């Protein structure tokens, strides 16, 4: 990804490389949730669902990964779901 960004962008072509930083990449979803709690992340204002509805669907891959992360972290997910 880093190489592609440097080759395929105006900045990279001009010799000003782009550095991609992904500090959470090696953490599990549960570890990310725990870190979020530690940092005071307002999870009630976050969204993972692929759908654009009032409530998250609870069925798409993104919802299932989020729910699993909160469950494994032992923390209640504060957003509403149509189905859990």
C-alpha atoms as a PDB file:
ATOM      1  CA  UNK A   1       0.000   0.000   0.000  1.00  0.00           C
ATOM      2  CA  UNK A   2       2.824   2.356   0.932  1.00  0.00           C
ATOM      3  CA  UNK A   3       4.583   1.735  -2.395  1.00  0.00           C
ATOM      4  CA  UNK A   4       1.357   2.224  -4.379  1.00  0.00           C
ATOM      5  CA  UNK A   5       0.684   5.531  -2.607  1.00  0.00           C
ATOM      6  CA  UNK A   6       4.139   6.777  -3.493  1.00  0.00           C
ATOM      7  CA  UNK A   7       3.907   5.670  -7.125  1.00  0.00           C
ATOM      8  CA  UNK A   8       0.287   6.606  -7.795  1.00  0.00           C
ATOM      9  CA  UNK A   9      -0.026  10.045  -6.255  1.00  0.00           C
ATOM     10  CA  UNK A  10       1.082  13.483  -7.384  1.00  0.00           C
ATOM     11  CA  UNK A  11       2.984  13.937  -4.149  1.00  0.00           C
ATOM     12  CA  UNK A  12       4.802  10.626  -4.591  1.00  0.00           C
ATOM     13  CA  UNK A  13       5.679  11.363  -8.208  1.00  0.00           C
ATOM     14  CA  UNK A  14       7.140  14.707  -7.112  1.00  0.00           C
ATOM     15  CA  UNK A  15       9.488  12.833  -4.760  1.00  0.00           C
ATOM     16  CA  UNK A  16       7.596  13.676  -1.577  1.00  0.00           C
ATOM     17  CA  UNK A  17       6.773  10.230  -0.234  1.00  0.00           C
ATOM     18  CA  UNK A  18       3.629   9.463   1.706  1.00  0.00           C
ATOM     19  CA  UNK A  19       3.908   7.537   4.962  1.00  0.00           C
ATOM     20  CA  UNK A  20       0.953   5.372   5.930  1.00  0.00           C
ATOM     21  CA  UNK A  21       0.531   4.904   9.667  1.00  0.00           C
ATOM     22  CA  UNK A  22      -1.927   2.296  10.947  1.00  0.00           C
ATOM     23  CA  UNK A  23      -1.340   1.936  14.711  1.00  0.00           C
ATOM     24  CA  UNK A  24      -4.262  -0.440  15.273  1.00  0.00           C
ATOM     25  CA  UNK A  25      -3.492  -2.858  12.454  1.00  0.00           C
ATOM     26  CA  UNK A  26      -2.083  -5.598  14.700  1.00  0.00           C
ATOM     27  CA  UNK A  27      -4.791  -5.327  17.368  1.00  0.00           C
ATOM     28  CA  UNK A  28      -7.870  -7.534  17.606  1.00  0.00           C
ATOM     29  CA  UNK A  29     -11.308  -5.902  17.568  1.00  0.00           C
ATOM     30  CA  UNK A  30     -11.577  -6.533  21.322  1.00  0.00           C
ATOM     31  CA  UNK A  31      -8.226  -4.833  21.912  1.00  0.00           C
ATOM     32  CA  UNK A  32      -9.352  -1.883  19.793  1.00  0.00           C
ATOM     33  CA  UNK A  33     -12.561  -1.561  21.833  1.00  0.00           C
ATOM     34  CA  UNK A  34     -10.609  -1.697  25.108  1.00  0.00           C
ATOM     35  CA  UNK A  35      -8.164   0.931  23.830  1.00  0.00           C
ATOM     36  CA  UNK A  36     -11.119   3.077  22.777  1.00  0.00           C
ATOM     37  CA  UNK A  37     -12.624   2.868  26.256  1.00  0.00           C
ATOM     38  CA  UNK A  38      -9.238   3.779  27.734  1.00  0.00           C
ATOM     39  CA  UNK A  39      -9.055   6.833  25.452  1.00  0.00           C
ATOM     40  CA  UNK A  40     -12.680   7.875  26.045  1.00  0.00           C
ATOM     41  CA  UNK A  41     -13.930   7.194  22.512  1.00  0.00           C
ATOM     42  CA  UNK A  42     -17.648   8.089  22.248  1.00  0.00           C
ATOM     43  CA  UNK A  43     -18.635   4.713  20.755  1.00  0.00           C
ATOM     44  CA  UNK A  44     -22.288   5.794  20.691  1.00  0.00           C
ATOM     45  CA  UNK A  45     -21.277   8.187  17.901  1.00  0.00           C
ATOM     46  CA  UNK A  46     -19.425   5.580  15.840  1.00  0.00           C
ATOM     47  CA  UNK A  47     -20.893   3.522  13.007  1.00  0.00           C
ATOM     48  CA  UNK A  48     -19.765   0.279  11.404  1.00  0.00           C
ATOM     49  CA  UNK A  49     -22.831  -0.932   9.491  1.00  0.00           C
ATOM     50  CA  UNK A  50     -22.742  -1.024   5.701  1.00  0.00           C
ATOM     51  CA  UNK A  51     -26.361   0.177   5.590  1.00  0.00           C
ATOM     52  CA  UNK A  52     -27.434   3.799   5.911  1.00  0.00           C
ATOM     53  CA  UNK A  53     -30.384   3.302   8.246  1.00  0.00           C
ATOM     54  CA  UNK A  54     -31.319   4.657  11.657  1.00  0.00           C
ATOM     55  CA  UNK A  55     -30.257   1.420  13.370  1.00  0.00           C
ATOM     56  CA  UNK A  56     -27.353  -0.830  12.458  1.00  0.00           C
ATOM     57  CA  UNK A  57     -28.495  -4.074  10.842  1.00  0.00           C
ATOM     58  CA  UNK A  58     -26.539  -6.422  13.124  1.00  0.00           C
ATOM     59  CA  UNK A  59     -26.117  -8.891  10.242  1.00  0.00           C
ATOM     60  CA  UNK A  60     -23.537  -7.494   7.815  1.00  0.00           C
ATOM     61  CA  UNK A  61     -19.887  -8.480   8.184  1.00  0.00           C
ATOM     62  CA  UNK A  62     -18.999  -5.113   9.653  1.00  0.00           C
ATOM     63  CA  UNK A  63     -21.742  -5.281  12.309  1.00  0.00           C
ATOM     64  CA  UNK A  64     -20.831  -8.852  13.201  1.00  0.00           C
ATOM     65  CA  UNK A  65     -17.154  -7.943  13.636  1.00  0.00           C
ATOM     66  CA  UNK A  66     -18.087  -4.950  15.783  1.00  0.00           C
ATOM     67  CA  UNK A  67     -20.458  -6.979  17.953  1.00  0.00           C
ATOM     68  CA  UNK A  68     -17.840  -9.712  18.367  1.00  0.00           C
ATOM     69  CA  UNK A  69     -15.210  -7.148  19.383  1.00  0.00           C
ATOM     70  CA  UNK A  70     -17.438  -5.589  22.037  1.00  0.00           C
ATOM     71  CA  UNK A  71     -18.513  -9.022  23.323  1.00  0.00           C
ATOM     72  CA  UNK A  72     -14.935 -10.285  23.583  1.00  0.00           C
ATOM     73  CA  UNK A  73     -13.928  -7.047  25.333  1.00  0.00           C
ATOM     74  CA  UNK A  74     -16.755  -7.554  27.843  1.00  0.00           C
ATOM     75  CA  UNK A  75     -18.224  -4.140  27.018  1.00  0.00           C
ATOM     76  CA  UNK A  76     -21.782  -3.327  25.926  1.00  0.00           C
ATOM     77  CA  UNK A  77     -21.994  -1.820  22.450  1.00  0.00           C
ATOM     78  CA  UNK A  78     -23.944   1.444  22.914  1.00  0.00           C
ATOM     79  CA  UNK A  79     -25.521   1.644  19.445  1.00  0.00           C
ATOM     80  CA  UNK A  80     -28.917   0.186  18.537  1.00  0.00           C
ATOM     81  CA  UNK A  81     -29.279  -2.782  16.214  1.00  0.00           C
ATOM     82  CA  UNK A  82     -32.248  -4.120  14.281  1.00  0.00           C
ATOM     83  CA  UNK A  83     -31.023  -7.680  14.872  1.00  0.00           C
ATOM     84  CA  UNK A  84     -28.349  -9.034  17.182  1.00  0.00           C
END
